[in-house]
């Protein structure tokens, strides 16, 4: 696995990648969820089970953001076992590197050729893909700040764009 820390609107984010066949163990808190941060999957797939009980949780697939799946926790505490069956990418916003707290974010998934409107004041972190905004191209991972009025962002990549909107 590889981990690349980056900045996003005053927060530290980590773009992580795993190869097919990799596994990762993550401790669950007393509520059956990981408390190490926020996770947003942008490529690949990961099977998720509780190591101690065999409980199977929802697979993590592109567009999956943990804060948008509040009922995705395990029934017990223990260890989450992540099994990567294909190359996988995700963005982590870890508590350990954001002592001031985690930012509020929502996921944004934009299909090939689709356009969206970004309002003035929008802070968009494009994790994967490419947007064209006012004849300028932005390739993820990158920060996009909208400060001079609403703009149209068009997906000009070869696939789906995955981004987080920082609130």
C-alpha atoms as a PDB file:
ATOM      1  CA  UNK A   1       0.000   0.000   0.000  1.00  0.00           C
ATOM      2  CA  UNK A   2       1.073   3.537  -0.670  1.00  0.00           C
ATOM      3  CA  UNK A   3       0.045   6.683   1.196  1.00  0.00           C
ATOM      4  CA  UNK A   4       0.574  10.213  -0.134  1.00  0.00           C
ATOM      5  CA  UNK A   5      -0.280  13.110   2.230  1.00  0.00           C
ATOM      6  CA  UNK A   6      -1.583  16.304   0.651  1.00  0.00           C
ATOM      7  CA  UNK A   7      -3.264  19.560   1.692  1.00  0.00           C
ATOM      8  CA  UNK A   8      -6.931  20.299   1.130  1.00  0.00           C
ATOM      9  CA  UNK A   9      -8.374  23.616   2.316  1.00  0.00           C
ATOM     10  CA  UNK A  10      -6.427  23.678   5.591  1.00  0.00           C
ATOM     11  CA  UNK A  11      -6.749  19.947   6.281  1.00  0.00           C
ATOM     12  CA  UNK A  12      -4.361  17.075   5.711  1.00  0.00           C
ATOM     13  CA  UNK A  13      -5.713  14.382   3.409  1.00  0.00           C
ATOM     14  CA  UNK A  14      -4.007  11.166   2.356  1.00  0.00           C
ATOM     15  CA  UNK A  15      -4.457   9.575  -1.055  1.00  0.00           C
ATOM     16  CA  UNK A  16      -4.030   5.830  -0.494  1.00  0.00           C
ATOM     17  CA  UNK A  17      -3.631   3.005  -2.985  1.00  0.00           C
ATOM     18  CA  UNK A  18      -3.656  -0.761  -2.553  1.00  0.00           C
ATOM     19  CA  UNK A  19      -2.747  -3.512  -4.994  1.00  0.00           C
ATOM     20  CA  UNK A  20      -4.896  -6.548  -5.719  1.00  0.00           C
ATOM     21  CA  UNK A  21      -4.259  -9.095  -2.971  1.00  0.00           C
ATOM     22  CA  UNK A  22      -3.383  -6.528  -0.302  1.00  0.00           C
ATOM     23  CA  UNK A  23      -5.095  -6.632   3.090  1.00  0.00           C
ATOM     24  CA  UNK A  24      -5.341  -4.060   5.849  1.00  0.00           C
ATOM     25  CA  UNK A  25      -6.514  -4.276   9.442  1.00  0.00           C
ATOM     26  CA  UNK A  26      -8.198  -1.351  11.184  1.00  0.00           C
ATOM     27  CA  UNK A  27      -9.345  -1.249  14.813  1.00  0.00           C
ATOM     28  CA  UNK A  28     -13.048  -0.730  15.462  1.00  0.00           C
ATOM     29  CA  UNK A  29     -14.204   1.451  18.344  1.00  0.00           C
ATOM     30  CA  UNK A  30     -16.842   0.466  20.920  1.00  0.00           C
ATOM     31  CA  UNK A  31     -19.581   1.435  18.420  1.00  0.00           C
ATOM     32  CA  UNK A  32     -18.285  -0.931  15.722  1.00  0.00           C
ATOM     33  CA  UNK A  33     -16.913   1.817  13.455  1.00  0.00           C
ATOM     34  CA  UNK A  34     -13.442   3.036  12.599  1.00  0.00           C
ATOM     35  CA  UNK A  35     -12.616   6.207  14.453  1.00  0.00           C
ATOM     36  CA  UNK A  36      -9.405   7.048  12.622  1.00  0.00           C
ATOM     37  CA  UNK A  37     -11.012   9.462  10.138  1.00  0.00           C
ATOM     38  CA  UNK A  38     -13.121   9.809   7.014  1.00  0.00           C
ATOM     39  CA  UNK A  39     -12.743   7.577   3.967  1.00  0.00           C
ATOM     40  CA  UNK A  40     -13.812   8.202   0.351  1.00  0.00           C
ATOM     41  CA  UNK A  41     -13.295   5.449  -2.235  1.00  0.00           C
ATOM     42  CA  UNK A  42     -12.542   6.498  -5.805  1.00  0.00           C
ATOM     43  CA  UNK A  43     -11.357   3.381  -7.645  1.00  0.00           C
ATOM     44  CA  UNK A  44     -11.518  -0.387  -7.241  1.00  0.00           C
ATOM     45  CA  UNK A  45     -13.287  -2.333  -4.531  1.00  0.00           C
ATOM     46  CA  UNK A  46     -12.624  -3.689  -1.072  1.00  0.00           C
ATOM     47  CA  UNK A  47     -14.407  -6.481   0.797  1.00  0.00           C
ATOM     48  CA  UNK A  48     -14.919  -5.681   4.472  1.00  0.00           C
ATOM     49  CA  UNK A  49     -15.317  -8.197   7.310  1.00  0.00           C
ATOM     50  CA  UNK A  50     -14.863  -8.256  11.070  1.00  0.00           C
ATOM     51  CA  UNK A  51     -11.832 -10.447  11.681  1.00  0.00           C
ATOM     52  CA  UNK A  52     -12.999 -11.860  15.011  1.00  0.00           C
ATOM     53  CA  UNK A  53     -16.607 -12.703  14.042  1.00  0.00           C
ATOM     54  CA  UNK A  54     -16.635 -13.042  10.240  1.00  0.00           C
ATOM     55  CA  UNK A  55     -19.399 -10.427  10.008  1.00  0.00           C
ATOM     56  CA  UNK A  56     -19.576  -9.139   6.424  1.00  0.00           C
ATOM     57  CA  UNK A  57     -20.061  -5.397   5.928  1.00  0.00           C
ATOM     58  CA  UNK A  58     -20.910  -3.389   2.828  1.00  0.00           C
ATOM     59  CA  UNK A  59     -18.161  -3.426   0.180  1.00  0.00           C
ATOM     60  CA  UNK A  60     -16.398  -0.124  -0.341  1.00  0.00           C
ATOM     61  CA  UNK A  61     -16.732   0.908  -3.991  1.00  0.00           C
ATOM     62  CA  UNK A  62     -16.118   4.168  -5.888  1.00  0.00           C
ATOM     63  CA  UNK A  63     -18.199   7.019  -4.478  1.00  0.00           C
ATOM     64  CA  UNK A  64     -18.497   5.449  -1.000  1.00  0.00           C
ATOM     65  CA  UNK A  65     -17.918   8.043   1.782  1.00  0.00           C
ATOM     66  CA  UNK A  66     -18.177   6.732   5.341  1.00  0.00           C
ATOM     67  CA  UNK A  67     -20.020   9.796   6.701  1.00  0.00           C
ATOM     68  CA  UNK A  68     -22.774   9.192   4.126  1.00  0.00           C
ATOM     69  CA  UNK A  69     -23.221   5.590   5.365  1.00  0.00           C
ATOM     70  CA  UNK A  70     -23.882   5.963   9.111  1.00  0.00           C
ATOM     71  CA  UNK A  71     -25.321   2.451   9.446  1.00  0.00           C
ATOM     72  CA  UNK A  72     -22.312   0.715   7.883  1.00  0.00           C
ATOM     73  CA  UNK A  73     -20.653  -0.157  11.188  1.00  0.00           C
ATOM     74  CA  UNK A  74     -20.130  -3.607  12.647  1.00  0.00           C
ATOM     75  CA  UNK A  75     -22.310  -5.193  15.330  1.00  0.00           C
ATOM     76  CA  UNK A  76     -19.311  -5.520  17.664  1.00  0.00           C
ATOM     77  CA  UNK A  77     -15.927  -4.072  18.410  1.00  0.00           C
ATOM     78  CA  UNK A  78     -12.849  -5.827  17.061  1.00  0.00           C
ATOM     79  CA  UNK A  79     -10.750  -5.539  13.924  1.00  0.00           C
ATOM     80  CA  UNK A  80     -11.965  -4.586  10.482  1.00  0.00           C
ATOM     81  CA  UNK A  81     -10.287  -6.670   7.794  1.00  0.00           C
ATOM     82  CA  UNK A  82     -10.106  -5.002   4.378  1.00  0.00           C
ATOM     83  CA  UNK A  83      -9.371  -7.311   1.436  1.00  0.00           C
ATOM     84  CA  UNK A  84      -8.520  -5.694  -1.885  1.00  0.00           C
ATOM     85  CA  UNK A  85      -9.422  -7.921  -4.863  1.00  0.00           C
ATOM     86  CA  UNK A  86      -8.323  -5.305  -7.408  1.00  0.00           C
ATOM     87  CA  UNK A  87      -6.197  -2.134  -7.416  1.00  0.00           C
ATOM     88  CA  UNK A  88      -8.037   0.342  -5.189  1.00  0.00           C
ATOM     89  CA  UNK A  89      -7.726   4.047  -4.367  1.00  0.00           C
ATOM     90  CA  UNK A  90      -9.280   6.019  -1.546  1.00  0.00           C
ATOM     91  CA  UNK A  91      -8.871   9.331   0.206  1.00  0.00           C
ATOM     92  CA  UNK A  92      -8.478   9.406   3.978  1.00  0.00           C
ATOM     93  CA  UNK A  93      -8.915  12.478   6.148  1.00  0.00           C
ATOM     94  CA  UNK A  94      -7.259  11.213   9.356  1.00  0.00           C
ATOM     95  CA  UNK A  95      -7.881  12.490  12.885  1.00  0.00           C
ATOM     96  CA  UNK A  96      -4.190  11.938  13.669  1.00  0.00           C
ATOM     97  CA  UNK A  97      -3.122  14.657  11.217  1.00  0.00           C
ATOM     98  CA  UNK A  98      -6.068  17.039  11.740  1.00  0.00           C
ATOM     99  CA  UNK A  99      -5.922  17.910  15.429  1.00  0.00           C
ATOM    100  CA  UNK A 100      -8.330  20.834  14.887  1.00  0.00           C
ATOM    101  CA  UNK A 101     -11.010  18.327  13.838  1.00  0.00           C
ATOM    102  CA  UNK A 102     -12.215  16.855  10.588  1.00  0.00           C
ATOM    103  CA  UNK A 103     -13.812  19.079   7.955  1.00  0.00           C
ATOM    104  CA  UNK A 104     -17.422  18.517   6.927  1.00  0.00           C
ATOM    105  CA  UNK A 105     -17.457  17.042   3.429  1.00  0.00           C
ATOM    106  CA  UNK A 106     -19.919  15.529   0.985  1.00  0.00           C
ATOM    107  CA  UNK A 107     -19.201  13.323  -2.009  1.00  0.00           C
ATOM    108  CA  UNK A 108     -19.566  14.417  -5.597  1.00  0.00           C
ATOM    109  CA  UNK A 109     -19.609  11.839  -8.396  1.00  0.00           C
ATOM    110  CA  UNK A 110     -19.734  13.239 -11.944  1.00  0.00           C
ATOM    111  CA  UNK A 111     -20.009  10.915 -14.948  1.00  0.00           C
ATOM    112  CA  UNK A 112     -18.125  11.372 -18.217  1.00  0.00           C
ATOM    113  CA  UNK A 113     -19.413  14.392 -20.161  1.00  0.00           C
ATOM    114  CA  UNK A 114     -21.683  15.532 -17.305  1.00  0.00           C
ATOM    115  CA  UNK A 115     -21.575  19.172 -16.165  1.00  0.00           C
ATOM    116  CA  UNK A 116     -22.312  20.571 -12.727  1.00  0.00           C
ATOM    117  CA  UNK A 117     -22.639  24.076 -11.332  1.00  0.00           C
ATOM    118  CA  UNK A 118     -20.265  25.123  -8.578  1.00  0.00           C
ATOM    119  CA  UNK A 119     -21.428  28.168  -6.654  1.00  0.00           C
ATOM    120  CA  UNK A 120     -19.209  31.000  -5.500  1.00  0.00           C
ATOM    121  CA  UNK A 121     -17.482  29.995  -2.280  1.00  0.00           C
ATOM    122  CA  UNK A 122     -17.276  26.299  -3.235  1.00  0.00           C
ATOM    123  CA  UNK A 123     -14.193  24.385  -2.123  1.00  0.00           C
ATOM    124  CA  UNK A 124     -13.909  21.219  -4.186  1.00  0.00           C
ATOM    125  CA  UNK A 125     -11.181  18.620  -3.783  1.00  0.00           C
ATOM    126  CA  UNK A 126     -11.005  16.632  -7.009  1.00  0.00           C
ATOM    127  CA  UNK A 127      -9.549  13.274  -5.994  1.00  0.00           C
ATOM    128  CA  UNK A 128      -9.780  11.444  -9.311  1.00  0.00           C
ATOM    129  CA  UNK A 129     -10.614  12.671 -12.809  1.00  0.00           C
ATOM    130  CA  UNK A 130     -10.474  15.908 -14.766  1.00  0.00           C
ATOM    131  CA  UNK A 131     -12.754  18.954 -14.861  1.00  0.00           C
ATOM    132  CA  UNK A 132     -12.806  21.818 -17.335  1.00  0.00           C
ATOM    133  CA  UNK A 133     -13.847  25.131 -15.798  1.00  0.00           C
ATOM    134  CA  UNK A 134     -13.767  28.353 -17.819  1.00  0.00           C
ATOM    135  CA  UNK A 135     -11.443  26.763 -20.433  1.00  0.00           C
ATOM    136  CA  UNK A 136      -9.011  25.656 -17.702  1.00  0.00           C
ATOM    137  CA  UNK A 137      -8.387  21.984 -16.886  1.00  0.00           C
ATOM    138  CA  UNK A 138      -7.994  20.596 -13.379  1.00  0.00           C
ATOM    139  CA  UNK A 139      -6.650  17.072 -12.898  1.00  0.00           C
ATOM    140  CA  UNK A 140      -7.028  15.278  -9.569  1.00  0.00           C
ATOM    141  CA  UNK A 141      -5.851  15.185  -6.966  1.00  0.00           C
ATOM    142  CA  UNK A 142      -6.161  18.959  -6.681  1.00  0.00           C
ATOM    143  CA  UNK A 143      -7.971  21.744  -4.856  1.00  0.00           C
ATOM    144  CA  UNK A 144     -10.471  23.880  -6.771  1.00  0.00           C
ATOM    145  CA  UNK A 145     -11.634  27.132  -5.174  1.00  0.00           C
ATOM    146  CA  UNK A 146     -14.549  29.028  -6.713  1.00  0.00           C
ATOM    147  CA  UNK A 147     -14.369  32.695  -5.714  1.00  0.00           C
ATOM    148  CA  UNK A 148     -15.642  34.872  -8.587  1.00  0.00           C
ATOM    149  CA  UNK A 149     -19.176  33.618  -9.216  1.00  0.00           C
ATOM    150  CA  UNK A 150     -20.910  30.385 -10.138  1.00  0.00           C
ATOM    151  CA  UNK A 151     -19.121  28.280 -12.774  1.00  0.00           C
ATOM    152  CA  UNK A 152     -19.843  25.201 -14.840  1.00  0.00           C
ATOM    153  CA  UNK A 153     -17.487  22.262 -14.329  1.00  0.00           C
ATOM    154  CA  UNK A 154     -17.528  19.628 -17.070  1.00  0.00           C
ATOM    155  CA  UNK A 155     -16.078  16.151 -16.665  1.00  0.00           C
ATOM    156  CA  UNK A 156     -13.521  15.857 -19.499  1.00  0.00           C
ATOM    157  CA  UNK A 157     -11.707  12.788 -18.155  1.00  0.00           C
ATOM    158  CA  UNK A 158     -11.910   9.288 -19.584  1.00  0.00           C
ATOM    159  CA  UNK A 159     -14.267   8.087 -16.852  1.00  0.00           C
ATOM    160  CA  UNK A 160     -16.115   9.201 -13.738  1.00  0.00           C
ATOM    161  CA  UNK A 161     -14.817  12.057 -11.580  1.00  0.00           C
ATOM    162  CA  UNK A 162     -14.749  11.670  -7.794  1.00  0.00           C
ATOM    163  CA  UNK A 163     -14.533  14.751  -5.595  1.00  0.00           C
ATOM    164  CA  UNK A 164     -15.284  15.991  -2.091  1.00  0.00           C
ATOM    165  CA  UNK A 165     -17.090  19.254  -1.480  1.00  0.00           C
ATOM    166  CA  UNK A 166     -15.654  20.895   1.643  1.00  0.00           C
ATOM    167  CA  UNK A 167     -18.296  22.801   3.627  1.00  0.00           C
END
